[in-house]
Each structure stands twice: as structure tokens, then as C-alpha cells.
Protein backbone atom coordinates (compact mmCIF):
# COMPACT_ATOMS: atom_id res chain seq x y z
CA MET A 1 -16.54 -0.26 -19.73
CA SER A 2 -16.04 -2.07 -16.43
CA LEU A 3 -12.41 -2.27 -15.31
CA ASP A 4 -13.27 -5.54 -13.58
CA ASN A 5 -13.19 -7.32 -16.95
CA LEU A 6 -9.51 -6.51 -17.47
CA GLU A 7 -7.01 -9.26 -16.68
CA PHE A 8 -4.71 -6.68 -15.10
CA VAL A 9 -7.41 -5.71 -12.59
CA GLN A 10 -8.29 -9.36 -11.95
CA ALA A 11 -4.77 -9.80 -10.55
CA ALA A 12 -5.91 -7.88 -7.46
CA LYS A 13 -8.25 -10.75 -6.54
CA THR A 14 -5.60 -13.46 -6.27
CA LEU A 15 -2.02 -13.77 -5.07
CA SER A 16 -0.21 -15.40 -7.98
CA ASN A 17 -1.32 -14.52 -11.51
CA ARG A 18 -0.50 -15.20 -15.16
CA TYR A 19 2.09 -12.42 -15.25
CA ILE A 20 3.96 -13.99 -12.34
CA ASP A 21 3.72 -17.45 -13.92
CA GLU A 22 5.28 -16.15 -17.13
CA TRP A 23 7.93 -14.26 -15.16
CA LYS A 24 8.90 -17.45 -13.30
CA GLN A 25 8.90 -19.50 -16.51
CA GLU A 26 11.61 -17.16 -17.82
CA GLY A 27 13.77 -18.14 -14.84
CA LYS A 28 13.28 -14.84 -13.03
CA ARG A 29 12.76 -14.42 -9.29
CA VAL A 30 10.02 -12.86 -7.14
CA LEU A 31 10.85 -11.13 -3.86
CA GLY A 32 8.06 -10.52 -1.35
CA TYR A 33 8.00 -7.42 0.84
CA TYR A 34 5.71 -6.15 3.59
CA CYS A 35 6.31 -2.42 3.81
CA SER A 36 6.18 0.46 1.34
CA TYR A 37 9.51 1.78 2.69
CA VAL A 38 11.40 -0.95 0.83
CA PRO A 39 13.27 0.65 -2.14
CA LEU A 40 11.62 -1.39 -4.88
CA GLU A 41 13.78 0.02 -7.67
CA LEU A 42 16.76 -1.77 -6.14
CA ILE A 43 14.96 -5.11 -6.43
CA HIS A 44 13.79 -4.31 -9.96
CA ALA A 45 17.34 -3.36 -11.01
CA MET A 46 18.37 -6.91 -10.17
CA ASN A 47 15.75 -8.19 -12.62
CA MET A 48 13.55 -9.41 -9.78
CA LEU A 49 9.82 -8.76 -9.31
CA PRO A 50 8.94 -7.07 -6.01
CA PHE A 51 5.60 -8.44 -4.75
CA ARG A 52 3.67 -6.69 -1.98
CA ILE A 53 2.66 -9.21 0.70
CA ARG A 54 -1.10 -9.06 1.30
CA GLY A 55 -3.95 -11.09 2.77
CA THR A 56 -6.01 -11.52 -0.40
CA THR A 57 -8.10 -14.76 -0.47
CA CYS A 58 -7.68 -15.36 3.29
CA ASN A 59 -10.98 -16.49 4.87
CA ASP A 60 -9.81 -17.43 8.36
CA THR A 61 -6.65 -17.37 10.49
CA VAL A 62 -6.86 -20.77 12.18
CA LEU A 63 -3.25 -21.70 11.41
CA ALA A 64 -1.85 -18.29 12.33
CA ASP A 65 -3.90 -18.22 15.55
CA ALA A 66 -1.86 -21.19 16.78
CA ILE A 67 1.28 -19.02 16.56
CA LEU A 68 0.17 -15.43 17.14
CA ALA A 69 -1.70 -14.10 20.15
CA LYS A 70 -5.18 -12.59 19.97
CA ILE A 71 -3.69 -9.12 20.37
CA ASN A 72 -1.76 -9.36 17.09
CA CYS A 73 -2.73 -7.45 13.94
CA SER A 74 -5.29 -9.36 11.88
CA PHE A 75 -3.67 -8.25 8.60
CA VAL A 76 -0.38 -9.85 9.65
CA LYS A 77 -2.30 -12.94 10.81
CA ALA A 78 -3.99 -13.23 7.41
CA THR A 79 -0.69 -13.02 5.52
CA LEU A 80 0.91 -15.57 7.83
CA ASN A 81 -2.04 -17.93 7.46
CA LEU A 82 -1.67 -17.81 3.68
CA ALA A 83 2.06 -18.44 3.96
CA LEU A 84 1.46 -21.45 6.22
CA GLN A 85 -1.02 -22.78 3.61
CA GLY A 86 1.70 -22.56 0.94
CA GLU A 87 0.01 -19.72 -0.96
CA TYR A 88 3.29 -17.79 -1.08
CA ASN A 89 5.37 -20.65 -2.42
CA PHE A 90 5.95 -18.70 -5.64
CA LEU A 91 8.29 -16.34 -3.76
CA ASP A 92 12.06 -16.74 -4.09
CA GLY A 93 12.78 -14.58 -1.06
CA MET A 94 11.17 -12.16 1.37
CA ILE A 95 12.21 -8.90 2.99
CA CYS A 96 10.82 -7.76 6.33
CA GLU A 97 11.05 -4.37 8.02
CA ASN A 98 10.47 -2.86 11.43
CA SER A 99 7.47 -0.98 10.10
CA CYS A 100 5.57 -2.03 13.24
CA ASP A 101 6.04 -4.61 16.00
CA HIS A 102 3.69 -7.08 14.28
CA VAL A 103 5.46 -7.01 10.91
CA ARG A 104 8.86 -6.95 12.66
CA ARG A 105 8.30 -10.47 13.99
CA MET A 106 7.36 -11.98 10.64
CA ILE A 107 10.95 -12.65 9.61
CA ASP A 108 11.46 -14.82 12.71
CA ILE A 109 8.17 -16.67 12.29
CA TRP A 110 8.69 -17.28 8.57
CA ARG A 111 12.18 -18.60 9.37
CA ARG A 112 10.91 -21.01 12.03
CA LYS A 113 7.46 -21.98 10.73
CA VAL A 114 7.09 -21.25 7.01
CA VAL A 115 10.25 -21.73 4.94
CA ASP A 116 13.25 -24.03 4.84
CA PRO A 117 16.69 -22.86 6.08
CA ASN A 118 17.89 -22.04 2.54
CA PHE A 119 15.04 -19.65 1.74
CA PRO A 120 16.47 -16.10 1.48
CA LEU A 121 15.10 -13.81 4.19
CA PHE A 122 16.25 -10.21 4.50
CA PHE A 123 15.64 -7.54 7.12
CA LEU A 124 15.69 -3.78 6.58
CA SER A 125 15.85 -1.60 9.68
CA ILE A 126 14.21 1.78 9.07
CA PRO A 127 14.60 4.73 11.52
CA HIS A 128 11.51 6.01 13.30
CA THR A 129 12.40 9.70 13.05
CA ILE A 130 13.42 11.94 10.16
CA THR A 131 16.86 13.33 10.96
CA GLU A 132 20.26 13.54 9.28
CA ALA A 133 21.47 10.72 11.52
CA GLY A 134 18.44 8.66 10.50
CA LEU A 135 19.17 9.21 6.81
CA ASP A 136 22.76 8.06 7.34
CA TRP A 137 21.42 5.00 9.18
CA LEU A 138 19.11 4.12 6.30
CA LYS A 139 21.90 4.55 3.74
CA THR A 140 23.95 2.01 5.68
CA GLU A 141 20.99 -0.37 5.91
CA VAL A 142 20.08 -0.15 2.21
CA ASN A 143 23.68 -0.57 1.10
CA SER A 144 23.90 -3.65 3.32
CA PHE A 145 20.65 -4.98 1.80
CA LYS A 146 22.04 -4.38 -1.69
CA GLU A 147 25.19 -6.36 -0.83
CA GLN A 148 23.12 -9.18 0.64
CA LEU A 149 20.99 -9.35 -2.50
CA GLU A 150 24.07 -9.47 -4.72
CA THR A 151 25.72 -12.16 -2.59
CA THR A 152 22.61 -14.30 -2.22
CA PHE A 153 21.70 -14.30 -5.91
CA SER A 154 25.25 -14.01 -7.31
CA GLU A 155 24.47 -10.96 -9.42
CA LYS A 156 25.64 -7.34 -9.30
CA ILE A 157 23.36 -4.31 -9.50
CA ASN A 158 24.95 -1.80 -11.86
CA GLU A 159 24.22 1.92 -11.87
CA ASP A 160 22.69 1.97 -15.36
CA ALA A 161 20.18 -0.71 -14.38
CA LEU A 162 19.25 1.25 -11.27
CA ILE A 163 18.74 4.45 -13.25
CA ASN A 164 16.52 2.57 -15.70
CA SER A 165 14.47 1.12 -12.83
CA ILE A 166 14.02 4.55 -11.25
CA GLN A 167 12.75 5.92 -14.58
CA ILE A 168 10.29 3.03 -15.02
CA PHE A 169 8.94 3.44 -11.47
CA ASN A 170 8.67 7.22 -11.86
CA GLU A 171 6.63 6.66 -15.01
CA ASN A 172 4.41 4.30 -13.03
CA ARG A 173 3.87 6.96 -10.36
CA ARG A 174 3.09 9.57 -13.01
CA LEU A 175 0.40 7.35 -14.54
CA LEU A 176 -1.19 6.70 -11.16
CA ARG A 177 -1.22 10.43 -10.43
CA GLU A 178 -3.00 11.02 -13.76
CA ILE A 179 -5.63 8.45 -12.79
CA TYR A 180 -5.85 10.11 -9.36
CA ASP A 181 -6.69 13.38 -11.16
CA LEU A 182 -9.71 11.63 -12.70
CA ARG A 183 -10.68 10.46 -9.22
CA ILE A 184 -11.00 13.97 -7.75
CA LEU A 185 -13.10 15.55 -10.52
CA ASN A 186 -16.48 16.99 -9.58
CA GLU A 187 -17.88 14.01 -11.45
CA PRO A 188 -15.17 11.40 -10.79
CA LYS A 189 -14.36 8.86 -13.47
CA ILE A 190 -13.38 6.05 -11.09
CA LEU A 191 -14.72 4.54 -7.88
CA GLY A 192 -12.59 4.20 -4.78
CA SER A 193 -12.96 0.41 -4.96
CA GLU A 194 -11.70 0.41 -8.56
CA PHE A 195 -8.75 2.59 -7.63
CA THR A 196 -7.79 0.16 -4.86
CA GLN A 197 -7.91 -2.69 -7.36
CA LEU A 198 -5.44 -0.81 -9.58
CA ILE A 199 -3.05 -0.16 -6.67
CA VAL A 200 -3.15 -3.78 -5.51
CA ALA A 201 -2.62 -5.14 -9.03
CA ASN A 202 0.17 -2.62 -9.53
CA GLY A 203 2.08 -4.21 -6.65
CA SER A 204 1.74 -7.71 -8.09
CA ILE A 205 2.86 -7.40 -11.71
CA PRO A 206 6.10 -6.34 -13.49
CA LYS A 207 6.15 -2.54 -13.72
CA GLU A 208 6.74 -2.49 -17.49
CA ILE A 209 3.44 -4.35 -17.95
CA CYS A 210 1.76 -2.14 -15.33
CA ASN A 211 2.74 1.00 -17.22
CA SER A 212 1.30 -0.32 -20.46
CA GLU A 213 -1.93 -1.44 -18.77
CA LEU A 214 -2.35 1.79 -16.82
CA THR A 215 -1.97 3.78 -20.05
CA ASN A 216 -4.78 1.71 -21.57
CA ILE A 217 -6.92 2.18 -18.44
CA MET A 218 -6.40 5.94 -18.64
CA ASP A 219 -7.96 5.93 -22.11
CA ILE A 220 -10.91 3.87 -20.87
CA LEU A 221 -11.52 6.18 -17.91
CA LYS A 222 -11.32 9.37 -19.96
CA ASP A 223 -14.14 8.10 -22.19
CA ARG A 224 -16.34 7.26 -19.21
CA GLU A 225 -19.25 9.35 -18.04
CA GLY A 226 -18.50 10.91 -14.65
CA ILE A 227 -20.10 9.61 -11.45
CA LYS A 228 -22.97 11.88 -10.39
CA ASP A 229 -25.13 9.81 -8.04
CA TYR A 230 -23.19 10.10 -4.80
CA LYS A 231 -24.10 11.83 -1.55
CA ALA A 232 -20.70 12.71 -0.09
CA ARG A 233 -17.04 12.89 -1.07
CA LEU A 234 -14.94 11.03 1.49
CA MET A 235 -11.25 10.67 2.34
CA LEU A 236 -10.01 7.39 3.84
CA ILE A 237 -7.06 7.40 6.25
CA GLY A 238 -5.39 4.76 8.43
CA SER A 239 -4.34 1.11 8.36
CA CYS A 240 -3.61 -0.76 5.12
CA VAL A 241 -6.58 -1.52 2.86
CA ASP A 242 -5.78 -4.14 0.22
CA ASN A 243 -9.37 -5.36 -0.17
CA PRO A 244 -11.46 -3.30 -2.62
CA ALA A 245 -14.60 -4.72 -0.98
CA PHE A 246 -13.89 -2.52 2.04
CA MET A 247 -14.55 0.50 -0.18
CA ASN A 248 -17.94 -0.96 -1.10
CA ILE A 249 -19.10 -0.31 2.47
CA PHE A 250 -19.02 3.41 1.72
CA GLU A 251 -20.12 3.22 -1.90
CA ASP A 252 -23.20 1.12 -1.05
CA VAL A 253 -24.61 3.93 1.10
CA GLY A 254 -23.80 6.81 -1.26
CA GLY A 255 -20.29 7.71 -0.16
CA LEU A 256 -17.47 8.09 -2.69
CA ILE A 257 -13.85 7.70 -1.61
CA VAL A 258 -12.21 10.38 -3.76
CA THR A 259 -8.81 10.43 -2.04
CA ASP A 260 -6.90 8.77 0.78
CA SER A 261 -3.76 8.64 2.84
CA LEU A 262 -3.00 4.91 2.65
CA CYS A 263 0.07 2.83 1.87
CA TYR A 264 -2.13 0.97 -0.67
CA GLY A 265 -3.18 4.32 -2.04
CA VAL A 266 -2.02 7.87 -2.69
CA ARG A 267 1.09 7.62 -0.51
CA SER A 268 2.45 4.84 -2.72
CA PHE A 269 2.87 7.06 -5.79
CA TRP A 270 2.81 10.66 -4.63
CA ASP A 271 6.57 11.35 -4.64
CA ASP A 272 8.97 10.68 -7.51
CA VAL A 273 12.61 9.68 -7.06
CA ASP A 274 14.99 12.39 -8.27
CA LEU A 275 17.81 11.13 -10.46
CA THR A 276 21.02 12.42 -8.89
CA SER A 277 24.72 11.89 -9.54
CA ASN A 278 24.47 9.06 -7.00
CA PRO A 279 21.21 7.26 -7.96
CA LEU A 280 21.26 4.93 -4.94
CA ASN A 281 21.54 7.83 -2.50
CA GLY A 282 18.81 9.67 -4.41
CA LEU A 283 16.60 6.59 -4.10
CA ILE A 284 17.19 6.29 -0.35
CA ASN A 285 16.56 9.99 0.20
CA ALA A 286 13.25 9.84 -1.67
CA TYR A 287 11.95 6.86 0.30
CA TYR A 288 13.08 8.36 3.60
CA HIS A 289 11.39 11.72 3.02
CA ARG A 290 8.25 10.41 1.33
CA VAL A 291 4.76 11.08 2.72
CA SER A 292 5.00 8.96 5.83
CA CYS A 293 2.79 6.69 7.88
CA PRO A 294 2.65 6.96 11.70
CA ARG A 295 5.78 4.81 12.08
CA MET A 296 7.66 8.09 11.52
CA MET A 297 6.95 9.46 14.97
CA ASP A 298 8.12 13.04 14.44
CA ALA A 299 6.37 13.57 11.10
CA HIS A 300 2.77 14.00 12.25
CA PRO A 301 2.69 17.73 11.37
CA THR A 302 3.76 16.87 7.81
CA ARG A 303 1.11 14.15 7.57
CA LEU A 304 -1.54 16.60 8.81
CA GLU A 305 -0.60 19.12 6.12
CA PHE A 306 -0.74 16.38 3.48
CA VAL A 307 -4.21 15.37 4.66
CA LYS A 308 -5.45 18.97 4.62
CA ASP A 309 -4.02 19.43 1.12
CA GLN A 310 -5.82 16.30 -0.09
CA ILE A 311 -9.07 17.45 1.51
CA ALA A 312 -8.88 20.78 -0.33
CA LYS A 313 -7.72 19.28 -3.63
CA ALA A 314 -10.42 16.59 -3.73
CA LYS A 315 -13.20 18.78 -2.23
CA VAL A 316 -13.73 16.28 0.59
CA ASP A 317 -16.95 16.50 2.64
CA GLY A 318 -15.85 14.17 5.45
CA VAL A 319 -12.98 11.98 6.61
CA ILE A 320 -13.05 8.30 7.59
CA LEU A 321 -10.32 7.34 10.08
CA GLN A 322 -9.99 3.58 10.29
CA ARG A 323 -7.52 1.35 12.05
CA LEU A 324 -7.02 -2.37 12.44
CA GLU A 325 -7.48 -3.61 16.00
CA PHE A 326 -4.23 -3.50 18.01
CA CYS A 327 -2.60 -1.06 15.59
CA ASP A 328 -1.12 1.38 18.09
CA LEU A 329 0.54 3.50 15.39
CA HIS A 330 -2.65 4.39 13.54
CA GLY A 331 -4.64 4.46 16.77
CA THR A 332 -2.45 7.28 18.09
CA ASP A 333 -2.26 9.16 14.80
CA ASN A 334 -6.01 8.86 14.16
CA MET A 335 -6.78 10.27 17.60
CA LEU A 336 -4.63 13.33 16.85
CA LEU A 337 -6.11 13.75 13.37
CA SER A 338 -9.63 13.46 14.72
CA HIS A 339 -9.16 16.41 17.09
CA GLU A 340 -7.22 18.48 14.56
CA LEU A 341 -9.66 18.01 11.68
CA GLU A 342 -12.79 18.47 13.76
CA GLY A 343 -11.14 21.61 15.17
CA VAL A 344 -11.21 23.17 11.70
CA GLY A 345 -14.76 22.06 10.94
CA ILE A 346 -14.13 18.84 8.99
CA PRO A 347 -16.54 15.97 9.89
CA VAL A 348 -14.72 12.82 11.03
CA LEU A 349 -15.83 9.21 11.59
CA ASN A 350 -13.56 6.83 13.52
CA ILE A 351 -13.79 3.09 12.81
CA ASP A 352 -11.97 0.17 14.45
CA ARG A 353 -12.03 -2.99 12.35
CA GLU A 354 -10.59 -6.44 11.72
CA TYR A 355 -8.83 -7.34 8.49
CA LEU A 356 -11.29 -10.08 7.54
CA MET A 357 -14.54 -8.53 6.34
CA SER A 358 -16.97 -8.99 9.23
CA ASP A 359 -19.79 -6.98 10.78
CA ILE A 360 -20.30 -5.12 7.49
CA GLY A 361 -23.89 -4.25 8.33
CA ARG A 362 -22.87 -2.31 11.44
CA PHE A 363 -20.25 -0.36 9.49
CA LYS A 364 -22.74 0.53 6.76
CA THR A 365 -25.18 1.80 9.37
CA ARG A 366 -22.52 4.02 10.93
CA VAL A 367 -21.30 5.36 7.58
CA ASP A 368 -24.87 5.97 6.40
CA ALA A 369 -25.62 7.96 9.57
CA PHE A 370 -22.37 9.90 9.19
CA ILE A 371 -23.25 10.89 5.62
CA GLU A 372 -26.80 11.86 6.59
CA GLN A 373 -25.46 14.09 9.37
CA MET A 374 -23.20 15.87 6.89
CA MET A 375 -26.08 16.38 4.48
CA VAL A 376 -28.26 17.90 7.22
CA LYS A 377 -25.52 20.39 8.09
């Protein structure tokens, strides 16, 4: 059975969806967020739906180009263009982070160009290194964000609600890890493009519904025949990928993305939140010490070990390192990974790209040649 026929999966192809419409009809709020370092359980505990900002349905960036320079990230441009078109009008608030310089500026631009003065905008400052002082900093920031949420929406977040949210999100991560296990089989049960659809939909729908749908999808996948007709098992690393069609570039030439290190991928569900005597501190600690992206400047050795572990676990034949143009963070990290992985005999292909799907033919040619080289060896 094709997952594409499921309404849950269809939610990855649009911004708003039926689940959001029903949520709003019940008088509940939706809070947009850019970065995976935002503690989503805190938003959920306030009976709000956290919605991952993405560029889905964007075909050009004409409006955003009038505001942002050519050297800005095309993913950020796409999301801004959609916001300027009114595609994010279903949001009741938005939280921005200093995940990178491009995302950092979105709160100012949304305030001046997108929303009216009464629209709730929040900012969460996240440290760039993993230290005790950094953890203390983040605790202060998250507690301040919690107070701002409570003040803005005139509602308190109680401890029992937070514990319940942590349990629901942990269940969601467990289900995604079970589906991941079907992805890394010798004959995988799910394509990389399908897995991306699940991750994107999972960030757009209430988690209680997600958990029910993912349980159903698990049953469908287990009954599937495994995928045999592929040439190479690939790992995808780098900038955000919220468009399943990007995975088709590899699948169309015989490559199968069996694992990844992406914020719209494995990193989003790999680590659970431990329930401690202080659930808020436990939540902050888990997000701070999660498998990081290159914004955590001192954590490259940990990221390298995670990548090597994924390569071994998923029996990866080669690694695709991709970055969006002008993404200095992934550009630096990918350069290091390229040398380190090739140094231990792992084939690597580096790709620079734009967010909007262009020049697909050239990419397919490069990936096809990369796979053929691996097969010859």
C-alpha cells in the first residue's frame, strides 16, 4: 500500500491541513517555530500546537527578494515569501531562535513586514557551545519563554501537563525509531522520500493524532515487501530537507537514503526526554545535549561519532553531504566530515544547492556517477 494515499502523509504537501482546521475550530492556538531546539513539550503543555515553519508550496521568492539580499539562505527566503503571501495566517504566534544568522533575523522582519503589532513573537537565545554555563543560560532563557507564553496567553503551564506532554512526545519518538528500524533493514520497508514525508507531517499535526497514525503506518510497513532493486545505500547529511522530492533525485538513479543526520530526520527523534523530579529542567537538559547540528560549535566530534554509528548501523555504502548556498555552518561542518569520512575509506559526495528544486538533471548526473564509482570499487 502506498503511504501517499494516507491523509496524514498528504499533510506534508501543504502548510495548513484538516487537522489544523479542526484544532482552530476548537478555539486552540498554533505556534510556529523555526528550529528543532525549541522545547516543543512546553508549547504542547499549554494546549497549543507547535508547527514547524517550512517552505512547502513555495515556487519563487520574488517578495522575499525585495527584503533579503542574494546572499541569504534560500530556505529562509522561501518561508518569508510564504509569510508575505499570507500562507502562515493560521498561526497565533511565532518563536524564533539564533540557530543561524539567517533565521535570527526573521523575528525582526516578521515584526516589520509580516504581522501586526499585536501578533505574539518570541525569541529564544540558545548557546553555541555545550558547557555548564551554557546549560544555565538555556535554563534562564526557557524559563523566560515559559513566563512570556503564560503572560501572553493568560494561561499557566502546570507540572502535570508538562509531564503528560513529555510522555506523549517520547512515545512519538519511539514510534519514529521503530519506523527507522524498518528503514535500515537489508531490504528496507520504506523509501527515504516516504520517511521525509512522515517527518514533515509529524511536525504539522497534533502529536496525539501523529502517534495514532504512525502506529497504523507501522502495521502497513511491516506487511510490505522489502525494497530490493537499489544500487547503493546512502546517508544524507547537512542543511534542512523538508521536500521529499529532493530524495527522489537519489532514488531515481538507484540510490536509497537509508539514514541521515538532518533536523527533518533522525536527529529530530533520536533522544528521549528523561522524566526527572524537575520535568522542566529535564526537558531543557535533553534538548541542550541532543544530537546537535553545526550551530553547536564545540560538538563536531560528537556529531562525527553519531555519523559513524549511523553508517555502521544502516550499512551505508556512501555519504551525501549537502548544504544550502550561503549556509556557513553546514559548509564548515561538511568540509570537516568530508576529510574525516574519506580518511576512513567512506565514499563522499558534496553538493551545494538552492532550496527551490532547480538543476535537478545536473544533480542526478553527479549522484549517478557517484553510485557507479562505488559499484566499480
